[in-house]
N, C-alpha and C. Protein backbone atom coordinates (compact mmCIF):
# COMPACT_ATOMS: atom_id res chain seq x y z
N UNK A 1 28.41 -79.49 42.80
CA UNK A 1 27.54 -80.41 43.49
C UNK A 1 27.52 -81.73 42.72
N UNK A 2 27.52 -82.81 43.46
CA UNK A 2 27.42 -84.13 42.86
C UNK A 2 25.96 -84.56 42.95
N UNK A 3 25.39 -84.85 41.79
CA UNK A 3 24.00 -85.29 41.70
C UNK A 3 23.96 -86.64 41.01
N UNK A 4 22.93 -87.41 41.32
CA UNK A 4 22.72 -88.69 40.66
C UNK A 4 21.37 -88.67 39.97
N UNK A 5 21.29 -89.33 38.81
CA UNK A 5 20.03 -89.41 38.09
C UNK A 5 19.83 -90.83 37.60
N UNK A 6 18.63 -91.38 37.83
CA UNK A 6 18.31 -92.71 37.36
C UNK A 6 16.80 -92.93 37.39
N UNK A 7 16.37 -93.96 36.69
CA UNK A 7 14.98 -94.42 36.73
C UNK A 7 14.98 -95.83 37.27
N UNK A 8 13.95 -96.15 38.07
CA UNK A 8 13.83 -97.51 38.60
C UNK A 8 12.37 -97.87 38.74
N UNK A 9 12.09 -99.16 38.62
CA UNK A 9 10.71 -99.60 38.77
C UNK A 9 10.41 -99.85 40.24
N UNK A 10 9.23 -100.38 40.51
CA UNK A 10 8.80 -100.56 41.90
C UNK A 10 9.63 -101.58 42.67
N UNK A 11 10.44 -102.37 41.96
CA UNK A 11 11.33 -103.34 42.60
C UNK A 11 12.79 -102.86 42.61
N UNK A 12 13.02 -101.61 42.29
CA UNK A 12 14.34 -100.97 42.23
C UNK A 12 15.15 -101.47 41.03
N UNK A 13 14.49 -102.03 40.04
CA UNK A 13 15.14 -102.48 38.82
C UNK A 13 15.60 -101.27 38.01
N UNK A 14 16.84 -101.32 37.50
CA UNK A 14 17.35 -100.22 36.67
C UNK A 14 17.87 -100.68 35.32
N UNK A 15 18.06 -101.99 35.12
CA UNK A 15 18.64 -102.42 33.86
C UNK A 15 18.35 -103.85 33.49
N UNK A 16 18.57 -104.12 32.23
CA UNK A 16 18.44 -105.48 31.70
C UNK A 16 19.53 -105.66 30.65
N UNK A 17 20.54 -106.45 30.99
CA UNK A 17 21.63 -106.74 30.05
C UNK A 17 22.27 -105.47 29.51
N UNK A 18 22.57 -104.53 30.39
CA UNK A 18 23.23 -103.26 30.06
C UNK A 18 22.39 -102.32 29.20
N UNK A 19 21.08 -102.49 29.24
CA UNK A 19 20.15 -101.59 28.55
C UNK A 19 19.03 -101.24 29.52
N UNK A 20 18.25 -100.23 29.18
CA UNK A 20 17.07 -99.92 29.97
C UNK A 20 16.02 -101.00 29.70
N UNK A 21 15.32 -101.45 30.73
CA UNK A 21 14.31 -102.49 30.53
C UNK A 21 12.96 -101.94 30.05
N UNK A 22 12.91 -100.68 29.72
CA UNK A 22 11.67 -100.04 29.30
C UNK A 22 11.98 -98.90 28.34
N UNK A 23 10.94 -98.36 27.75
CA UNK A 23 11.09 -97.17 26.91
C UNK A 23 9.93 -96.23 27.23
N UNK A 24 10.22 -95.19 27.97
CA UNK A 24 9.25 -94.16 28.29
C UNK A 24 9.80 -92.84 27.75
N UNK A 25 9.14 -92.30 26.75
CA UNK A 25 9.61 -91.07 26.11
C UNK A 25 9.78 -89.94 27.12
N UNK A 26 8.86 -89.84 28.07
CA UNK A 26 8.94 -88.76 29.08
C UNK A 26 10.19 -88.92 29.95
N UNK A 27 10.53 -90.15 30.29
CA UNK A 27 11.72 -90.40 31.10
C UNK A 27 12.98 -90.05 30.31
N UNK A 28 13.05 -90.48 29.06
CA UNK A 28 14.22 -90.17 28.23
C UNK A 28 14.37 -88.67 28.02
N UNK A 29 13.24 -87.97 27.82
CA UNK A 29 13.27 -86.51 27.63
C UNK A 29 13.75 -85.83 28.92
N UNK A 30 13.30 -86.31 30.06
CA UNK A 30 13.71 -85.75 31.35
C UNK A 30 15.21 -85.94 31.56
N UNK A 31 15.70 -87.15 31.30
CA UNK A 31 17.13 -87.43 31.43
C UNK A 31 17.93 -86.50 30.53
N UNK A 32 17.50 -86.36 29.30
CA UNK A 32 18.20 -85.50 28.34
C UNK A 32 18.18 -84.04 28.81
N UNK A 33 17.02 -83.58 29.26
CA UNK A 33 16.90 -82.19 29.72
C UNK A 33 17.84 -81.91 30.90
N UNK A 34 17.94 -82.86 31.82
CA UNK A 34 18.73 -82.64 33.02
C UNK A 34 20.23 -82.77 32.77
N UNK A 35 20.65 -83.60 31.82
CA UNK A 35 22.07 -83.90 31.65
C UNK A 35 22.72 -83.26 30.42
N UNK A 36 21.92 -82.81 29.48
CA UNK A 36 22.50 -82.26 28.25
C UNK A 36 23.40 -81.08 28.56
N UNK A 37 24.62 -81.13 28.06
CA UNK A 37 25.59 -80.06 28.28
C UNK A 37 26.23 -80.08 29.65
N UNK A 38 25.85 -81.02 30.50
CA UNK A 38 26.40 -81.11 31.86
C UNK A 38 27.58 -82.09 31.89
N UNK A 39 28.42 -81.96 32.90
CA UNK A 39 29.48 -82.93 33.12
C UNK A 39 28.86 -84.17 33.76
N UNK A 40 29.26 -85.34 33.27
CA UNK A 40 28.70 -86.59 33.78
C UNK A 40 29.80 -87.58 34.10
N UNK A 41 29.52 -88.46 35.04
CA UNK A 41 30.40 -89.57 35.38
C UNK A 41 29.61 -90.85 35.21
N UNK A 42 30.23 -91.83 34.54
CA UNK A 42 29.58 -93.12 34.32
C UNK A 42 30.63 -94.21 34.36
N UNK A 43 30.18 -95.44 34.46
CA UNK A 43 31.06 -96.58 34.36
C UNK A 43 31.27 -96.96 32.90
N UNK A 44 32.23 -97.86 32.69
CA UNK A 44 32.58 -98.28 31.33
C UNK A 44 31.40 -98.93 30.61
N UNK A 45 30.63 -99.77 31.30
CA UNK A 45 29.51 -100.44 30.64
C UNK A 45 28.42 -99.44 30.24
N UNK A 46 28.17 -98.44 31.06
CA UNK A 46 27.20 -97.41 30.69
C UNK A 46 27.71 -96.62 29.50
N UNK A 47 28.99 -96.31 29.50
CA UNK A 47 29.60 -95.61 28.37
C UNK A 47 29.41 -96.41 27.08
N UNK A 48 29.73 -97.70 27.13
CA UNK A 48 29.60 -98.55 25.94
C UNK A 48 28.15 -98.63 25.48
N UNK A 49 27.23 -98.71 26.42
CA UNK A 49 25.81 -98.77 26.09
C UNK A 49 25.36 -97.47 25.40
N UNK A 50 25.77 -96.33 25.96
CA UNK A 50 25.40 -95.04 25.35
C UNK A 50 26.02 -94.88 23.97
N UNK A 51 27.26 -95.34 23.82
CA UNK A 51 27.91 -95.25 22.50
C UNK A 51 27.14 -96.08 21.47
N UNK A 52 26.54 -97.18 21.89
CA UNK A 52 25.76 -97.98 20.94
C UNK A 52 24.49 -97.26 20.52
N UNK A 53 23.94 -96.44 21.41
CA UNK A 53 22.75 -95.64 21.06
C UNK A 53 23.12 -94.50 20.12
N UNK A 54 24.21 -93.82 20.41
CA UNK A 54 24.57 -92.61 19.67
C UNK A 54 25.43 -92.88 18.44
N UNK A 55 25.90 -94.12 18.28
CA UNK A 55 26.70 -94.54 17.13
C UNK A 55 27.84 -93.55 16.86
N UNK A 56 27.77 -92.80 15.77
CA UNK A 56 28.86 -91.90 15.40
C UNK A 56 28.71 -90.51 15.99
N UNK A 57 27.55 -90.21 16.56
CA UNK A 57 27.35 -88.89 17.15
C UNK A 57 28.10 -88.79 18.48
N UNK A 58 28.55 -87.58 18.82
CA UNK A 58 29.16 -87.42 20.15
C UNK A 58 28.10 -87.53 21.24
N UNK A 59 28.51 -87.94 22.41
CA UNK A 59 27.58 -87.99 23.53
C UNK A 59 27.13 -86.57 23.84
N UNK A 60 25.87 -86.39 24.27
CA UNK A 60 25.30 -85.05 24.41
C UNK A 60 25.62 -84.34 25.72
N UNK A 61 26.73 -84.71 26.33
CA UNK A 61 27.08 -84.13 27.62
C UNK A 61 28.17 -83.08 27.44
N UNK A 62 28.31 -82.21 28.43
CA UNK A 62 29.37 -81.21 28.36
C UNK A 62 30.74 -81.87 28.43
N UNK A 63 30.96 -82.62 29.48
CA UNK A 63 32.23 -83.33 29.66
C UNK A 63 31.88 -84.69 30.23
N UNK A 64 32.46 -85.72 29.67
CA UNK A 64 32.19 -87.09 30.12
C UNK A 64 33.40 -87.66 30.83
N UNK A 65 33.14 -88.23 31.99
CA UNK A 65 34.15 -88.97 32.75
C UNK A 65 33.70 -90.43 32.79
N UNK A 66 34.64 -91.34 32.57
CA UNK A 66 34.32 -92.76 32.62
C UNK A 66 35.21 -93.42 33.66
N UNK A 67 34.57 -94.02 34.66
CA UNK A 67 35.30 -94.70 35.72
C UNK A 67 35.55 -96.14 35.30
N UNK A 68 36.82 -96.53 35.39
CA UNK A 68 37.22 -97.88 35.00
C UNK A 68 38.57 -98.15 35.66
N UNK A 69 38.69 -99.25 36.37
CA UNK A 69 39.97 -99.54 37.04
C UNK A 69 41.03 -100.03 36.06
N UNK A 70 40.62 -100.42 34.86
CA UNK A 70 41.58 -100.82 33.83
C UNK A 70 42.12 -99.59 33.11
N UNK A 71 43.30 -99.72 32.52
CA UNK A 71 43.87 -98.63 31.73
C UNK A 71 43.22 -98.63 30.35
N UNK A 72 42.36 -97.64 30.12
CA UNK A 72 41.62 -97.55 28.87
C UNK A 72 41.65 -96.10 28.40
N UNK A 73 41.80 -95.92 27.09
CA UNK A 73 41.70 -94.58 26.52
C UNK A 73 40.31 -94.41 25.92
N UNK A 74 39.66 -93.31 26.26
CA UNK A 74 38.34 -93.00 25.71
C UNK A 74 38.51 -91.78 24.81
N UNK A 75 38.14 -91.90 23.54
CA UNK A 75 38.38 -90.81 22.60
C UNK A 75 37.59 -89.53 22.92
N UNK A 76 36.46 -89.67 23.60
CA UNK A 76 35.62 -88.50 23.87
C UNK A 76 35.27 -88.38 25.36
N UNK A 77 36.11 -88.96 26.22
CA UNK A 77 35.84 -88.90 27.65
C UNK A 77 37.15 -88.95 28.42
N UNK A 78 37.08 -88.52 29.67
CA UNK A 78 38.24 -88.54 30.56
C UNK A 78 38.16 -89.81 31.40
N UNK A 79 39.25 -90.56 31.40
CA UNK A 79 39.31 -91.80 32.17
C UNK A 79 39.53 -91.48 33.65
N UNK A 80 38.70 -92.06 34.51
CA UNK A 80 38.84 -91.93 35.96
C UNK A 80 39.17 -93.31 36.50
N UNK A 81 40.39 -93.47 36.97
CA UNK A 81 40.81 -94.78 37.48
C UNK A 81 40.45 -94.94 38.96
N UNK A 82 40.48 -93.85 39.71
CA UNK A 82 40.18 -93.90 41.14
C UNK A 82 39.03 -92.94 41.43
N UNK A 83 37.84 -93.49 41.60
CA UNK A 83 36.64 -92.67 41.77
C UNK A 83 36.69 -91.87 43.08
N UNK A 84 37.29 -92.42 44.12
CA UNK A 84 37.35 -91.70 45.40
C UNK A 84 38.28 -90.49 45.30
N UNK A 85 39.38 -90.66 44.61
CA UNK A 85 40.29 -89.53 44.37
C UNK A 85 39.59 -88.48 43.51
N UNK A 86 38.85 -88.93 42.54
CA UNK A 86 38.09 -88.03 41.68
C UNK A 86 37.13 -87.17 42.51
N UNK A 87 36.38 -87.78 43.41
CA UNK A 87 35.42 -87.03 44.23
C UNK A 87 36.12 -86.06 45.18
N UNK A 88 37.31 -86.41 45.63
CA UNK A 88 38.05 -85.50 46.52
C UNK A 88 38.47 -84.23 45.81
N UNK A 89 38.70 -84.32 44.51
CA UNK A 89 39.27 -83.18 43.79
C UNK A 89 38.34 -82.53 42.76
N UNK A 90 37.18 -83.09 42.53
CA UNK A 90 36.29 -82.52 41.52
C UNK A 90 35.82 -81.13 41.97
N UNK A 91 35.86 -80.18 41.05
CA UNK A 91 35.47 -78.80 41.38
C UNK A 91 34.40 -78.28 40.41
N UNK A 92 33.61 -79.19 39.89
CA UNK A 92 32.52 -78.81 38.99
C UNK A 92 31.29 -79.63 39.34
N UNK A 93 30.14 -79.19 38.88
CA UNK A 93 28.91 -79.95 39.08
C UNK A 93 28.96 -81.19 38.19
N UNK A 94 28.60 -82.32 38.77
CA UNK A 94 28.66 -83.60 38.07
C UNK A 94 27.35 -84.35 38.26
N UNK A 95 26.87 -84.96 37.18
CA UNK A 95 25.76 -85.90 37.26
C UNK A 95 26.31 -87.31 37.16
N UNK A 96 25.95 -88.15 38.10
CA UNK A 96 26.30 -89.58 38.05
C UNK A 96 25.17 -90.25 37.27
N UNK A 97 25.52 -90.96 36.18
CA UNK A 97 24.48 -91.51 35.30
C UNK A 97 24.53 -93.04 35.19
N UNK A 98 25.31 -93.71 36.00
CA UNK A 98 25.27 -95.18 36.01
C UNK A 98 26.61 -95.80 35.78
N UNK A 99 26.66 -97.06 35.91
CA UNK A 99 25.68 -98.05 36.27
C UNK A 99 25.68 -98.34 37.76
N UNK A 100 25.23 -99.53 38.08
CA UNK A 100 24.97 -99.90 39.47
C UNK A 100 26.17 -99.67 40.39
N UNK A 101 27.34 -100.14 40.01
CA UNK A 101 28.53 -99.98 40.87
C UNK A 101 28.89 -98.52 41.05
N UNK A 102 28.81 -97.75 39.98
CA UNK A 102 29.14 -96.33 40.07
C UNK A 102 28.13 -95.61 40.97
N UNK A 103 26.85 -95.97 40.85
CA UNK A 103 25.84 -95.40 41.75
C UNK A 103 26.18 -95.74 43.21
N UNK A 104 26.51 -96.99 43.46
CA UNK A 104 26.79 -97.43 44.82
C UNK A 104 28.00 -96.69 45.41
N UNK A 105 29.05 -96.53 44.62
CA UNK A 105 30.25 -95.84 45.08
C UNK A 105 30.03 -94.33 45.23
N UNK A 106 29.13 -93.77 44.44
CA UNK A 106 28.91 -92.32 44.41
C UNK A 106 27.90 -91.84 45.45
N UNK A 107 27.04 -92.71 45.88
CA UNK A 107 25.95 -92.29 46.78
C UNK A 107 26.42 -91.52 48.01
N UNK A 108 27.48 -91.94 48.69
CA UNK A 108 27.90 -91.17 49.87
C UNK A 108 28.35 -89.73 49.56
N UNK A 109 28.71 -89.45 48.31
CA UNK A 109 29.19 -88.14 47.91
C UNK A 109 28.10 -87.26 47.30
N UNK A 110 26.95 -87.84 47.04
CA UNK A 110 25.89 -87.15 46.29
C UNK A 110 25.02 -86.28 47.18
N UNK A 111 24.81 -85.07 46.71
CA UNK A 111 23.99 -84.10 47.45
C UNK A 111 22.55 -84.08 46.94
N UNK A 112 22.35 -84.44 45.66
CA UNK A 112 21.02 -84.37 45.08
C UNK A 112 20.75 -85.64 44.26
N UNK A 113 19.52 -86.13 44.38
CA UNK A 113 19.09 -87.32 43.66
C UNK A 113 17.91 -86.98 42.76
N UNK A 114 18.00 -87.34 41.51
CA UNK A 114 16.90 -87.19 40.55
C UNK A 114 16.43 -88.60 40.23
N UNK A 115 15.32 -89.00 40.83
CA UNK A 115 14.83 -90.37 40.66
C UNK A 115 13.52 -90.35 39.89
N UNK A 116 13.49 -91.14 38.83
CA UNK A 116 12.24 -91.37 38.12
C UNK A 116 11.72 -92.73 38.58
N UNK A 117 10.55 -92.71 39.20
CA UNK A 117 9.93 -93.95 39.63
C UNK A 117 9.01 -94.43 38.51
N UNK A 118 9.27 -95.63 38.01
CA UNK A 118 8.44 -96.26 37.00
C UNK A 118 7.39 -97.08 37.75
N UNK A 119 6.13 -96.71 37.60
CA UNK A 119 5.06 -97.30 38.41
C UNK A 119 4.54 -98.61 37.81
N UNK A 120 5.46 -99.46 37.45
CA UNK A 120 5.12 -100.75 36.86
C UNK A 120 6.35 -101.64 37.00
N UNK A 121 6.12 -102.93 37.25
CA UNK A 121 7.23 -103.87 37.35
C UNK A 121 7.68 -104.28 35.95
N UNK A 122 8.98 -104.39 35.78
CA UNK A 122 9.56 -104.82 34.50
C UNK A 122 10.51 -105.98 34.76
N UNK A 123 10.96 -106.61 33.69
CA UNK A 123 11.93 -107.69 33.80
C UNK A 123 13.33 -107.17 33.55
N UNK A 124 14.27 -107.65 34.33
CA UNK A 124 15.65 -107.24 34.16
C UNK A 124 16.54 -107.96 35.15
N UNK A 125 17.80 -107.53 35.19
CA UNK A 125 18.75 -108.23 36.06
C UNK A 125 19.70 -107.29 36.82
N UNK A 126 19.46 -105.98 36.75
CA UNK A 126 20.31 -105.04 37.47
C UNK A 126 19.41 -104.15 38.34
N UNK A 127 19.73 -104.11 39.63
CA UNK A 127 18.91 -103.37 40.58
C UNK A 127 19.72 -102.26 41.23
N UNK A 128 19.05 -101.16 41.53
CA UNK A 128 19.71 -100.07 42.24
C UNK A 128 20.05 -100.56 43.64
N UNK A 129 21.25 -100.23 44.14
CA UNK A 129 21.60 -100.66 45.50
C UNK A 129 20.68 -100.00 46.54
N UNK A 130 20.25 -100.78 47.50
CA UNK A 130 19.37 -100.26 48.55
C UNK A 130 20.12 -99.21 49.38
N UNK A 131 19.40 -98.16 49.75
CA UNK A 131 19.97 -97.11 50.59
C UNK A 131 18.85 -96.47 51.40
N UNK A 132 19.23 -95.65 52.35
CA UNK A 132 18.27 -95.01 53.26
C UNK A 132 17.84 -93.65 52.70
N UNK A 133 16.68 -93.62 52.08
CA UNK A 133 16.17 -92.38 51.49
C UNK A 133 15.82 -91.34 52.56
N UNK A 134 15.70 -91.75 53.82
CA UNK A 134 15.38 -90.79 54.88
C UNK A 134 16.52 -89.80 55.12
N UNK A 135 17.71 -90.05 54.55
CA UNK A 135 18.82 -89.11 54.64
C UNK A 135 18.63 -87.93 53.69
N UNK A 136 17.57 -87.99 52.88
CA UNK A 136 17.29 -86.96 51.88
C UNK A 136 15.90 -86.40 52.11
N UNK A 137 15.71 -85.15 51.69
CA UNK A 137 14.37 -84.55 51.76
C UNK A 137 13.87 -84.32 50.34
N UNK A 138 12.59 -84.57 50.14
CA UNK A 138 11.97 -84.36 48.84
C UNK A 138 11.84 -82.87 48.58
N UNK A 139 12.35 -82.40 47.44
CA UNK A 139 12.26 -80.97 47.13
C UNK A 139 11.43 -80.68 45.89
N UNK A 140 11.11 -81.74 45.10
CA UNK A 140 10.27 -81.55 43.92
C UNK A 140 9.68 -82.89 43.52
N UNK A 141 8.44 -82.85 43.02
CA UNK A 141 7.78 -84.09 42.60
C UNK A 141 6.74 -83.77 41.54
N UNK A 142 6.79 -84.53 40.44
CA UNK A 142 5.81 -84.41 39.37
C UNK A 142 5.37 -85.81 38.95
N UNK A 143 4.09 -85.97 38.67
CA UNK A 143 3.56 -87.26 38.23
C UNK A 143 3.05 -87.10 36.81
N UNK A 144 3.55 -87.97 35.91
CA UNK A 144 3.13 -87.92 34.51
C UNK A 144 3.13 -89.31 33.92
N UNK A 145 2.01 -89.74 33.40
CA UNK A 145 1.90 -90.96 32.59
C UNK A 145 2.61 -92.17 33.18
N UNK A 146 2.28 -92.52 34.41
CA UNK A 146 2.86 -93.71 35.03
C UNK A 146 4.27 -93.53 35.54
N UNK A 147 4.73 -92.30 35.63
CA UNK A 147 6.06 -92.00 36.13
C UNK A 147 5.96 -90.93 37.22
N UNK A 148 6.83 -91.04 38.20
CA UNK A 148 6.98 -89.99 39.21
C UNK A 148 8.39 -89.46 39.09
N UNK A 149 8.52 -88.18 38.84
CA UNK A 149 9.83 -87.52 38.78
C UNK A 149 10.04 -86.84 40.12
N UNK A 150 10.99 -87.34 40.89
CA UNK A 150 11.23 -86.82 42.24
C UNK A 150 12.67 -86.33 42.36
N UNK A 151 12.83 -85.22 43.06
CA UNK A 151 14.17 -84.68 43.31
C UNK A 151 14.33 -84.60 44.83
N UNK A 152 15.44 -85.13 45.31
CA UNK A 152 15.75 -85.14 46.72
C UNK A 152 17.07 -84.42 46.95
N UNK A 153 17.18 -83.82 48.13
CA UNK A 153 18.42 -83.18 48.52
C UNK A 153 18.86 -83.77 49.86
N UNK A 154 20.15 -84.02 49.98
CA UNK A 154 20.67 -84.60 51.22
C UNK A 154 20.40 -83.62 52.39
N UNK A 155 19.91 -84.17 53.47
CA UNK A 155 19.72 -83.36 54.67
C UNK A 155 21.09 -82.96 55.21
N UNK A 156 21.16 -81.82 55.88
CA UNK A 156 22.42 -81.30 56.44
C UNK A 156 23.42 -80.96 55.36
N UNK A 157 22.94 -80.52 54.17
CA UNK A 157 23.91 -80.13 53.13
C UNK A 157 23.83 -78.66 52.86
């Protein structure tokens, strides 16, 4: 199953200069809990951002795929040059973890969405692409400390 996970504020903001525009321990713990040991797909900028956080440590995912149209070797990840070809042939559960372009390209293939709603406006310059949430049904929701953790599943899946 292809799943997507992200946090966004009330204006659909997801980033500021390739970093998170906020720091919520509960959100970071949720992201870690959901993705640790899982296969993930991300864009090159998200990969570089995560590498700056983890420095010399390996990324905490089971298998990392990095989508990039340029020819790049990643020492600890599999390069995906054609994301559409990747989705046609992927035979494992994958979490899409960013950034904006990868989310936009992955949305039509995603069966489950893990959205953390940040109940406060923040400053930034990267927004989640608008989409029709009515194509999904809410299957889980928790509210904690100014955050809503919601899980949606695509209807007709």
